[in-house]
């Protein structure tokens, strides 16, 4: 069979009654498949767990490491074993990089590359039309992009589905770090128009979401559709910068909480921080996920990163001066070619000095076709595992320290799930997991509350528990807050959105 990816005329042979989705990889993949799931639900198609048989199965793959490749192929095999007669659609980065491998795994699967995902969305939109939504008027609404959110809320949702919406604003990357295959899998940077992003955010709010996470493959390159390149992957000029986009979202919608997904260090500009401390104060959350990858300058140079440790440390200090108590999370790769014990030791020492709120640890994985795959000084797997264990311990200590600092403070928490002991679990503005009991037994799903943090959880030192002192209902007209006292009412600081003047249109 040819391993060509499915053309834009992709069709599902017949309208399925059930669908399952297996999703691997990043927040961008999550945003894309959330949109697909919601459109299927809008069509009256039951979404079942990926462990259950279904008539339509979507597998969204990841290729960031060789382990991700292997898991993606395993997901396709499991899907076919579980649903032997299903229409199996396999998409995502691993398919884009090596479609032949997936053609060998399942010759009957329909392979859809990242560039053809619009065809997949068009098929799902056709299913929505078949569901007879004309009578309700839903079909007259603009359909969400593959990156967006659903037009209406639905039942049978994921625990976070009604609390946080992942809205993709950008796709692709042209940085070509020496270890990374994603530019080949996702293509060059391209941005959604501001109006499309605003429409997705409004749909999220209409569906009841109280937090919006802006996501992309390289979100800091957002340019609204046009830009003139500058140093370190920045823009000298752009139709719309990321900061201007956030300003428009704040000024033109009633979004209560905005969080950014991973953003490259050189893209956290003074303009962006001014939004966080100005018009966005109280609504733009004090949480920055800044990929570091190594704390050794020599390794960073060989990785092709566009900063050094001094730049990174200065940025973290600048963020903390502007936003006291901000959570800084970092990504680190261990075992990159030429990373010897001395370089690793320098990296560990640098990370300790940074004192991050959290750390995501990855072992370097050879990606054929990347410059790093041809480098001398490849690190053996045993050394990679040992170094990863060191950093995983450091990561656990960092999360525990950051959580402990919250004790005695009051945090605004968005609750998501109910624990087995009856308490509710949610995330603070700084992304700390917080548990609390409902004051009167009511459901706290999708509730925002002011919580006095009282203690660290004994069995989970990266979590805290607290006492609710005020529930905050959804924003009212023009973004006004209407505090609802529950136990011990106290004022909640909030900076209302100022009118937007200038920026992207």
Protein backbone atom coordinates (compact mmCIF):
# COMPACT_ATOMS: atom_id res chain seq x y z
CA UNK A 1 0.00 0.00 0.00
CA UNK A 2 1.14 3.56 -0.60
CA UNK A 3 2.06 5.45 2.52
CA UNK A 4 0.81 8.74 1.08
CA UNK A 5 -1.08 10.85 3.56
CA UNK A 6 -4.79 11.22 3.03
CA UNK A 7 -5.76 14.08 0.68
CA UNK A 8 -8.19 16.82 1.68
CA UNK A 9 -11.07 14.69 0.35
CA UNK A 10 -10.85 12.42 3.40
CA UNK A 11 -14.28 10.94 4.20
CA UNK A 12 -15.59 8.48 6.73
CA UNK A 13 -17.55 5.71 4.89
CA UNK A 14 -20.62 5.96 7.09
CA UNK A 15 -21.74 8.00 10.01
CA UNK A 16 -20.44 6.27 13.17
CA UNK A 17 -22.45 5.95 16.36
CA UNK A 18 -19.42 5.78 18.68
CA UNK A 19 -15.95 7.27 18.54
CA UNK A 20 -12.79 6.91 20.60
CA UNK A 21 -9.76 9.18 20.70
CA UNK A 22 -6.22 8.21 21.67
CA UNK A 23 -4.10 11.32 22.10
CA UNK A 24 -0.34 11.44 22.65
CA UNK A 25 2.00 14.36 23.07
CA UNK A 26 1.76 18.06 23.67
CA UNK A 27 -0.92 20.59 24.59
CA UNK A 28 -1.31 21.43 20.90
CA UNK A 29 -2.33 17.84 20.21
CA UNK A 30 -4.67 18.04 23.20
CA UNK A 31 -6.29 21.21 21.87
CA UNK A 32 -6.77 19.66 18.43
CA UNK A 33 -8.38 16.49 19.69
CA UNK A 34 -10.57 18.32 22.20
CA UNK A 35 -11.99 20.24 19.25
CA UNK A 36 -12.55 16.99 17.34
CA UNK A 37 -14.26 15.34 20.31
CA UNK A 38 -16.59 18.26 20.84
CA UNK A 39 -17.66 18.37 17.22
CA UNK A 40 -18.40 14.65 17.33
CA UNK A 41 -20.47 15.12 20.47
CA UNK A 42 -22.34 17.94 18.77
CA UNK A 43 -23.19 15.45 16.03
CA UNK A 44 -24.75 13.12 18.59
CA UNK A 45 -21.87 10.64 18.37
CA UNK A 46 -21.00 9.04 21.68
CA UNK A 47 -17.38 9.47 22.74
CA UNK A 48 -16.16 6.38 24.57
CA UNK A 49 -12.89 5.81 26.38
CA UNK A 50 -9.90 4.76 24.31
CA UNK A 51 -10.01 1.40 26.08
CA UNK A 52 -13.46 0.66 24.64
CA UNK A 53 -14.43 -0.51 21.12
CA UNK A 54 -15.76 2.15 18.76
CA UNK A 55 -16.82 2.56 15.14
CA UNK A 56 -14.50 5.54 14.56
CA UNK A 57 -11.09 5.80 16.25
CA UNK A 58 -8.81 8.83 16.04
CA UNK A 59 -5.17 8.39 17.05
CA UNK A 60 -3.16 11.61 17.34
CA UNK A 61 0.53 10.73 17.41
CA UNK A 62 3.70 12.33 18.77
CA UNK A 63 7.29 12.11 17.56
CA UNK A 64 9.19 14.26 20.06
CA UNK A 65 11.23 11.22 21.20
CA UNK A 66 11.77 7.65 20.02
CA UNK A 67 9.68 6.55 23.00
CA UNK A 68 6.82 8.75 21.73
CA UNK A 69 7.17 7.16 18.29
CA UNK A 70 6.95 3.67 19.79
CA UNK A 71 3.95 4.61 21.96
CA UNK A 72 2.22 6.06 18.91
CA UNK A 73 2.63 2.83 16.96
CA UNK A 74 1.46 0.84 19.99
CA UNK A 75 -1.63 3.04 20.23
CA UNK A 76 -2.52 2.21 16.61
CA UNK A 77 -2.08 -1.52 17.23
CA UNK A 78 -4.21 -1.37 20.40
CA UNK A 79 -6.92 0.59 18.62
CA UNK A 80 -7.15 -2.00 15.83
CA UNK A 81 -7.22 -4.93 18.28
CA UNK A 82 -9.95 -3.24 20.28
CA UNK A 83 -12.00 -2.13 17.26
CA UNK A 84 -11.16 -4.45 14.33
CA UNK A 85 -13.95 -3.11 12.08
CA UNK A 86 -13.50 0.57 12.93
CA UNK A 87 -12.58 3.39 10.61
CA UNK A 88 -9.14 4.13 12.06
CA UNK A 89 -7.76 7.63 11.39
CA UNK A 90 -4.13 8.20 12.41
CA UNK A 91 -2.79 11.74 12.43
CA UNK A 92 -0.17 13.89 14.14
CA UNK A 93 3.56 14.46 14.06
CA UNK A 94 4.77 10.85 13.96
CA UNK A 95 2.62 10.22 10.87
CA UNK A 96 3.91 13.39 9.21
CA UNK A 97 7.54 12.32 9.75
CA UNK A 98 7.27 8.60 8.89
CA UNK A 99 3.96 7.60 7.27
CA UNK A 100 5.47 4.37 5.97
CA UNK A 101 5.95 3.08 9.50
CA UNK A 102 2.25 3.51 10.23
CA UNK A 103 1.26 2.03 6.90
CA UNK A 104 3.17 -1.09 7.93
CA UNK A 105 1.53 -1.15 11.35
CA UNK A 106 -2.00 -0.93 9.91
CA UNK A 107 -2.40 -0.93 6.12
CA UNK A 108 -6.12 -0.18 6.48
CA UNK A 109 -5.65 2.95 8.59
CA UNK A 110 -6.32 6.35 7.02
CA UNK A 111 -3.22 8.50 7.54
CA UNK A 112 -3.74 12.27 7.90
CA UNK A 113 -0.72 14.57 8.09
CA UNK A 114 -0.65 17.73 10.17
CA UNK A 115 -1.15 19.88 7.08
CA UNK A 116 -4.32 17.94 6.21
CA UNK A 117 -5.95 18.17 9.63
CA UNK A 118 -8.33 20.75 8.20
CA UNK A 119 -9.75 17.91 6.08
CA UNK A 120 -10.39 15.91 9.23
CA UNK A 121 -12.19 18.87 10.77
CA UNK A 122 -14.24 19.31 7.60
CA UNK A 123 -15.35 15.70 7.86
CA UNK A 124 -16.38 16.15 11.47
CA UNK A 125 -18.19 19.37 10.58
CA UNK A 126 -20.11 17.41 7.94
CA UNK A 127 -21.17 14.98 10.67
CA UNK A 128 -22.42 17.92 12.72
CA UNK A 129 -24.55 18.95 9.76
CA UNK A 130 -25.96 15.44 9.46
CA UNK A 131 -27.06 15.62 13.08
CA UNK A 132 -29.85 17.99 12.09
CA UNK A 133 -28.64 20.97 14.13
CA UNK A 134 -30.30 23.44 11.74
CA UNK A 135 -33.44 23.48 13.83
CA UNK A 136 -31.60 24.63 16.93
CA UNK A 137 -29.65 27.25 15.01
CA UNK A 138 -26.32 25.69 15.95
CA UNK A 139 -25.33 25.08 12.34
CA UNK A 140 -25.47 28.80 11.64
CA UNK A 141 -22.72 29.50 14.13
CA UNK A 142 -19.13 29.63 12.89
CA UNK A 143 -17.49 26.26 13.40
CA UNK A 144 -14.38 26.16 15.59
CA UNK A 145 -11.00 25.71 14.03
CA UNK A 146 -9.13 22.46 14.61
CA UNK A 147 -7.39 24.36 17.39
CA UNK A 148 -10.48 25.75 19.03
CA UNK A 149 -13.40 24.86 21.25
CA UNK A 150 -16.92 23.66 20.78
CA UNK A 151 -19.92 25.91 20.05
CA UNK A 152 -21.97 24.45 22.92
CA UNK A 153 -21.32 22.61 26.16
CA UNK A 154 -21.82 18.87 26.24
CA UNK A 155 -22.43 16.17 28.80
CA UNK A 156 -20.11 13.31 29.55
CA UNK A 157 -17.12 15.63 29.58
CA UNK A 158 -13.59 15.20 30.87
CA UNK A 159 -13.05 16.62 34.39
CA UNK A 160 -11.17 19.62 32.97
CA UNK A 161 -13.39 20.10 29.92
CA UNK A 162 -15.64 22.69 31.53
CA UNK A 163 -12.91 24.38 33.55
CA UNK A 164 -9.98 25.01 31.17
CA UNK A 165 -10.04 25.40 27.39
CA UNK A 166 -6.88 24.94 25.34
CA UNK A 167 -6.99 27.39 22.43
CA UNK A 168 -4.30 27.03 19.78
CA UNK A 169 -3.14 30.37 18.40
CA UNK A 170 -0.09 29.24 16.43
CA UNK A 171 1.41 26.16 14.76
CA UNK A 172 4.81 25.18 13.41
CA UNK A 173 8.42 26.09 14.20
CA UNK A 174 11.43 27.22 12.16
CA UNK A 175 14.04 27.25 14.93
CA UNK A 176 15.58 23.87 14.05
CA UNK A 177 17.22 23.10 17.38
CA UNK A 178 19.73 20.37 16.61
CA UNK A 179 17.86 17.66 18.56
CA UNK A 180 14.32 18.46 17.40
CA UNK A 181 12.23 16.86 14.66
CA UNK A 182 9.16 19.06 15.21
CA UNK A 183 9.93 21.63 12.45
CA UNK A 184 9.86 18.76 9.99
CA UNK A 185 6.66 17.36 11.51
CA UNK A 186 4.74 20.62 11.95
CA UNK A 187 6.21 22.86 9.26
CA UNK A 188 7.11 26.54 9.55
CA UNK A 189 5.49 29.02 11.93
CA UNK A 190 2.02 30.23 11.06
CA UNK A 191 -0.47 32.11 13.20
CA UNK A 192 -4.23 32.16 13.41
CA UNK A 193 -5.77 35.59 12.73
CA UNK A 194 -6.67 37.46 15.92
CA UNK A 195 -10.36 37.31 14.99
CA UNK A 196 -10.22 33.50 14.81
CA UNK A 197 -8.59 33.31 18.24
CA UNK A 198 -11.15 35.71 19.71
CA UNK A 199 -13.96 33.61 18.26
CA UNK A 200 -12.50 30.48 19.86
CA UNK A 201 -12.15 32.22 23.22
CA UNK A 202 -15.75 33.44 23.07
CA UNK A 203 -16.94 29.90 22.30
CA UNK A 204 -14.97 28.65 25.30
CA UNK A 205 -16.63 31.20 27.55
CA UNK A 206 -20.07 30.42 26.16
CA UNK A 207 -19.42 26.75 26.92
CA UNK A 208 -18.68 27.61 30.55
CA UNK A 209 -14.88 27.51 30.59
CA UNK A 210 -13.38 29.80 33.21
CA UNK A 211 -9.74 29.52 32.19
CA UNK A 212 -8.22 29.73 28.73
CA UNK A 213 -4.78 28.30 28.02
CA UNK A 214 -3.22 29.82 24.90
CA UNK A 215 -1.11 27.19 23.22
CA UNK A 216 1.02 26.64 20.13
CA UNK A 217 4.09 24.78 18.93
CA UNK A 218 6.20 27.95 19.31
CA UNK A 219 3.67 30.38 20.76
CA UNK A 220 6.06 33.31 21.11
CA UNK A 221 6.37 33.56 17.32
CA UNK A 222 2.69 34.53 17.10
CA UNK A 223 2.46 37.39 14.58
CA UNK A 224 -1.17 37.59 13.50
CA UNK A 225 -0.22 36.47 10.00
CA UNK A 226 2.79 38.64 9.11
CA UNK A 227 6.11 39.63 10.66
CA UNK A 228 9.60 40.88 9.96
CA UNK A 229 12.14 38.65 11.65
CA UNK A 230 14.50 39.95 14.31
CA UNK A 231 17.33 38.47 16.43
CA UNK A 232 16.93 35.23 18.42
CA UNK A 233 13.72 34.36 16.57
CA UNK A 234 11.97 37.58 17.61
CA UNK A 235 10.01 40.04 15.45
CA UNK A 236 11.08 43.54 14.55
CA UNK A 237 7.54 44.20 13.36
CA UNK A 238 4.40 42.08 13.26
CA UNK A 239 0.77 42.40 12.31
CA UNK A 240 -0.04 41.39 15.88
CA UNK A 241 2.30 40.33 18.67
CA UNK A 242 1.40 37.80 21.34
CA UNK A 243 1.15 40.64 23.86
CA UNK A 244 -1.25 42.54 21.60
CA UNK A 245 -3.33 39.40 21.10
CA UNK A 246 -3.66 38.95 24.87
CA UNK A 247 -4.63 42.63 25.21
CA UNK A 248 -7.43 42.12 22.72
CA UNK A 249 -8.66 38.99 24.48
CA UNK A 250 -8.73 40.86 27.79
CA UNK A 251 -10.42 43.94 26.36
CA UNK A 252 -12.92 42.23 24.06
CA UNK A 253 -14.00 39.18 26.10
CA UNK A 254 -14.94 38.43 29.70
CA UNK A 255 -12.27 35.76 30.12
CA UNK A 256 -11.51 35.29 33.82
CA UNK A 257 -8.15 33.54 33.66
CA UNK A 258 -5.53 33.38 30.90
CA UNK A 259 -2.57 31.05 31.12
CA UNK A 260 0.22 30.56 28.58
CA UNK A 261 1.54 27.17 27.58
CA UNK A 262 5.28 26.69 27.06
CA UNK A 263 7.00 29.82 25.68
CA UNK A 264 10.62 30.23 24.58
CA UNK A 265 12.65 32.40 27.00
CA UNK A 266 13.57 35.01 24.38
CA UNK A 267 9.88 35.61 23.67
CA UNK A 268 9.01 36.83 27.18
CA UNK A 269 9.34 40.49 26.29
CA UNK A 270 8.90 43.62 28.35
CA UNK A 271 5.70 44.20 26.36
CA UNK A 272 4.32 40.83 27.44
CA UNK A 273 5.21 41.41 31.10
CA UNK A 274 3.54 44.84 30.93
CA UNK A 275 0.31 43.13 29.87
CA UNK A 276 0.61 40.73 32.82
CA UNK A 277 1.14 43.53 35.33
CA UNK A 278 -1.18 46.08 33.71
CA UNK A 279 -4.45 45.34 31.93
CA UNK A 280 -4.05 41.62 32.72
CA UNK A 281 -3.41 41.91 36.46
CA UNK A 282 -5.68 39.45 38.23
CA UNK A 283 -6.63 37.70 34.98
CA UNK A 284 -3.26 36.79 33.39
CA UNK A 285 -1.93 34.06 35.65
CA UNK A 286 1.54 34.24 37.27
CA UNK A 287 2.83 31.03 35.73
CA UNK A 288 5.50 30.76 33.03
CA UNK A 289 6.71 27.51 31.47
CA UNK A 290 10.15 28.37 30.05
CA UNK A 291 12.07 25.58 28.30
CA UNK A 292 15.67 25.55 29.56
CA UNK A 293 16.91 22.21 28.13
CA UNK A 294 20.35 22.53 29.79
CA UNK A 295 22.08 24.61 32.42
CA UNK A 296 25.43 24.33 30.63
CA UNK A 297 26.32 26.92 28.00
CA UNK A 298 28.37 24.54 25.87
CA UNK A 299 25.48 22.10 25.63
CA UNK A 300 23.05 24.94 24.87
CA UNK A 301 25.27 26.06 21.95
CA UNK A 302 25.39 22.56 20.50
CA UNK A 303 21.63 22.26 20.93
CA UNK A 304 21.21 25.37 18.80
CA UNK A 305 19.29 27.19 21.53
CA UNK A 306 19.02 30.97 21.15
CA UNK A 307 20.07 32.02 24.65
CA UNK A 308 22.64 31.16 27.30
CA UNK A 309 22.32 30.55 31.03
CA UNK A 310 22.96 34.21 31.86
CA UNK A 311 20.10 35.32 29.62
CA UNK A 312 17.80 32.70 31.17
CA UNK A 313 18.72 33.60 34.75
CA UNK A 314 18.27 37.33 34.05
CA UNK A 315 14.84 36.64 32.56
CA UNK A 316 13.73 34.63 35.59
CA UNK A 317 14.89 37.44 37.88
CA UNK A 318 13.05 40.00 35.72
CA UNK A 319 9.82 38.00 35.88
CA UNK A 320 10.08 37.63 39.64
CA UNK A 321 10.67 41.36 40.08
CA UNK A 322 7.66 42.18 37.93
CA UNK A 323 5.40 39.44 39.34
CA UNK A 324 6.40 38.43 42.88
CA UNK A 325 5.58 34.79 43.59
CA UNK A 326 5.37 33.84 39.90
CA UNK A 327 5.76 30.13 39.19
CA UNK A 328 8.61 29.30 36.81
CA UNK A 329 8.57 25.80 35.31
CA UNK A 330 11.38 24.54 33.08
CA UNK A 331 12.08 21.67 30.68
CA UNK A 332 15.47 19.94 30.81
CA UNK A 333 17.01 17.33 28.49
CA UNK A 334 19.66 15.02 29.95
CA UNK A 335 22.19 13.02 27.97
CA UNK A 336 22.55 15.32 24.98
CA UNK A 337 25.64 14.44 22.90
CA UNK A 338 28.88 15.72 24.53
CA UNK A 339 27.16 16.29 27.90
CA UNK A 340 29.83 14.82 30.17
CA UNK A 341 29.69 14.60 33.96
CA UNK A 342 31.17 18.09 34.35
CA UNK A 343 28.58 19.64 32.02
CA UNK A 344 25.79 17.79 33.79
CA UNK A 345 27.11 18.97 37.16
CA UNK A 346 27.07 22.58 35.92
CA UNK A 347 23.50 22.09 34.70
CA UNK A 348 22.33 20.74 38.06
CA UNK A 349 24.03 23.58 39.94
CA UNK A 350 22.40 26.17 37.66
CA UNK A 351 18.95 24.66 38.13
CA UNK A 352 19.38 24.64 41.91
CA UNK A 353 20.28 28.33 41.82
CA UNK A 354 17.20 29.08 39.72
CA UNK A 355 14.95 27.41 42.31
CA UNK A 356 12.11 26.70 39.84
CA UNK A 357 8.56 25.84 40.84
CA UNK A 358 8.74 22.66 38.77
CA UNK A 359 10.85 20.77 36.27
CA UNK A 360 9.99 18.48 33.36
CA UNK A 361 12.79 16.01 32.68
CA UNK A 362 13.46 14.31 29.34
CA UNK A 363 16.17 11.89 28.26
CA UNK A 364 17.75 12.81 24.94
CA UNK A 365 16.43 10.65 22.13
CA UNK A 366 18.15 10.34 18.76
CA UNK A 367 15.86 11.64 16.01
CA UNK A 368 17.09 10.49 12.59
CA UNK A 369 17.52 13.44 10.25
CA UNK A 370 18.54 15.91 12.97
CA UNK A 371 22.09 17.28 13.33
CA UNK A 372 22.42 15.94 16.88
CA UNK A 373 21.96 12.39 15.60
CA UNK A 374 25.30 12.74 13.75
CA UNK A 375 27.23 14.33 16.62
CA UNK A 376 30.14 12.59 18.29
CA UNK A 377 30.00 12.05 22.03
CA UNK A 378 26.67 10.23 22.24
CA UNK A 379 25.80 9.44 25.87
CA UNK A 380 25.02 5.85 26.84
CA UNK A 381 21.53 4.98 28.06
CA UNK A 382 22.64 4.06 31.58
CA UNK A 383 24.14 7.52 32.11
CA UNK A 384 20.96 9.12 30.75
CA UNK A 385 18.81 7.16 33.19
CA UNK A 386 21.05 8.03 36.15
CA UNK A 387 21.09 11.73 35.29
CA UNK A 388 17.32 11.73 34.78
CA UNK A 389 16.87 10.23 38.25
CA UNK A 390 18.97 13.02 39.76
CA UNK A 391 16.87 15.70 38.09
CA UNK A 392 13.59 13.96 38.91
CA UNK A 393 14.53 14.10 42.59
CA UNK A 394 15.45 17.75 42.19
CA UNK A 395 12.09 18.36 40.44
CA UNK A 396 10.15 16.77 43.31
CA UNK A 397 12.03 18.91 45.83
CA UNK A 398 11.32 22.04 43.79
CA UNK A 399 7.59 21.35 43.59
CA UNK A 400 7.44 20.68 47.33
CA UNK A 401 9.32 23.91 48.19
CA UNK A 402 7.08 25.99 45.97
CA UNK A 403 3.92 24.43 47.42
CA UNK A 404 5.17 25.00 50.99
CA UNK A 405 5.65 28.72 50.26
CA UNK A 406 1.91 29.01 49.59
CA UNK A 407 1.01 28.06 53.19
CA UNK A 408 -0.51 31.06 54.98
CA UNK A 409 -1.47 32.85 51.79
CA UNK A 410 -4.83 33.18 50.04
CA UNK A 411 -5.04 31.77 46.53
CA UNK A 412 -7.73 31.89 43.91
CA UNK A 413 -8.35 28.28 42.89
CA UNK A 414 -10.24 26.86 39.91
CA UNK A 415 -11.66 23.52 41.09
CA UNK A 416 -11.84 20.60 38.68
CA UNK A 417 -12.37 17.21 40.31
CA UNK A 418 -13.74 15.64 43.47
CA UNK A 419 -11.35 13.41 45.39
CA UNK A 420 -12.27 10.07 47.01
CA UNK A 421 -12.28 11.69 50.47
CA UNK A 422 -14.92 14.21 49.34
CA UNK A 423 -12.60 17.18 49.00
CA UNK A 424 -12.29 19.09 45.73
CA UNK A 425 -9.02 19.52 43.87
CA UNK A 426 -8.08 22.48 41.70
CA UNK A 427 -5.23 24.71 40.58
CA UNK A 428 -4.17 28.04 41.98
CA UNK A 429 -3.15 30.94 39.77
CA UNK A 430 0.47 29.75 40.18
CA UNK A 431 -0.51 26.21 39.16
CA UNK A 432 -0.24 24.63 42.63
CA UNK A 433 -2.69 21.79 43.27
CA UNK A 434 -5.04 22.76 46.11
CA UNK A 435 -7.56 20.56 47.94
CA UNK A 436 -10.51 21.96 49.92
CA UNK A 437 -13.91 20.87 51.20
CA UNK A 438 -17.09 22.42 49.86
CA UNK A 439 -18.48 24.76 52.56
CA UNK A 440 -22.06 23.56 52.14
CA UNK A 441 -21.67 20.29 50.24
CA UNK A 442 -22.39 21.78 46.82
CA UNK A 443 -20.44 20.69 43.74
CA UNK A 444 -17.36 22.80 43.16
CA UNK A 445 -16.70 21.64 39.62
CA UNK A 446 -15.76 24.72 37.60
CA UNK A 447 -15.98 26.95 40.68
CA UNK A 448 -13.37 29.62 41.40
CA UNK A 449 -12.84 30.23 45.10
CA UNK A 450 -10.57 32.23 47.36
CA UNK A 451 -8.85 29.64 49.54
CA UNK A 452 -6.71 30.18 52.63
CA UNK A 453 -3.82 27.71 52.28
CA UNK A 454 -3.41 25.98 55.64
CA UNK A 455 -0.95 23.10 55.17
CA UNK A 456 1.01 20.89 52.82
CA UNK A 457 -0.47 17.45 52.14
CA UNK A 458 1.49 14.90 54.19
CA UNK A 459 1.38 12.20 51.50
CA UNK A 460 1.81 14.56 48.54
CA UNK A 461 4.22 17.38 49.43
CA UNK A 462 3.65 19.14 46.10
CA UNK A 463 -0.02 19.66 47.04
CA UNK A 464 -1.62 21.85 49.68
CA UNK A 465 -4.95 21.92 51.43
CA UNK A 466 -6.97 24.91 52.47
CA UNK A 467 -10.26 26.45 53.55
CA UNK A 468 -12.64 28.22 51.19
CA UNK A 469 -13.53 31.74 52.31
CA UNK A 470 -15.29 33.02 49.20
CA UNK A 471 -16.76 31.67 45.97
CA UNK A 472 -16.42 33.78 42.85
CA UNK A 473 -19.22 33.33 40.30
CA UNK A 474 -18.54 33.83 36.57
CA UNK A 475 -17.79 37.36 35.41
CA UNK A 476 -20.86 39.49 34.83
CA UNK A 477 -21.47 42.16 32.19
CA UNK A 478 -18.34 43.99 31.01
CA UNK A 479 -16.16 41.63 33.05
CA UNK A 480 -17.43 42.85 36.44
CA UNK A 481 -16.98 40.46 39.38
CA UNK A 482 -19.84 39.72 41.74
CA UNK A 483 -18.34 38.20 44.94
CA UNK A 484 -20.60 35.75 46.75
CA UNK A 485 -19.72 35.36 50.46
CA UNK A 486 -19.72 31.79 51.67
CA UNK A 487 -18.03 31.46 55.06
CA UNK A 488 -15.80 34.40 55.94
CA UNK A 489 -16.24 37.03 53.26
CA UNK A 490 -13.25 39.16 52.43
CA UNK A 491 -12.53 41.44 49.46
CA UNK A 492 -10.81 40.01 46.40
CA UNK A 493 -8.49 42.32 44.52
CA UNK A 494 -9.26 42.60 40.83
CA UNK A 495 -8.07 44.97 38.17
CA UNK A 496 -10.86 45.39 35.59
CA UNK A 497 -10.06 45.28 31.91
CA UNK A 498 -9.20 48.66 30.44
CA UNK A 499 -10.44 49.62 27.02
CA UNK A 500 -8.15 48.47 24.22
CA UNK A 501 -6.56 51.20 22.15
CA UNK A 502 -4.16 50.22 19.42
CA UNK A 503 -2.43 46.96 18.59
CA UNK A 504 -3.60 44.26 16.20
CA UNK A 505 -6.89 44.55 14.39
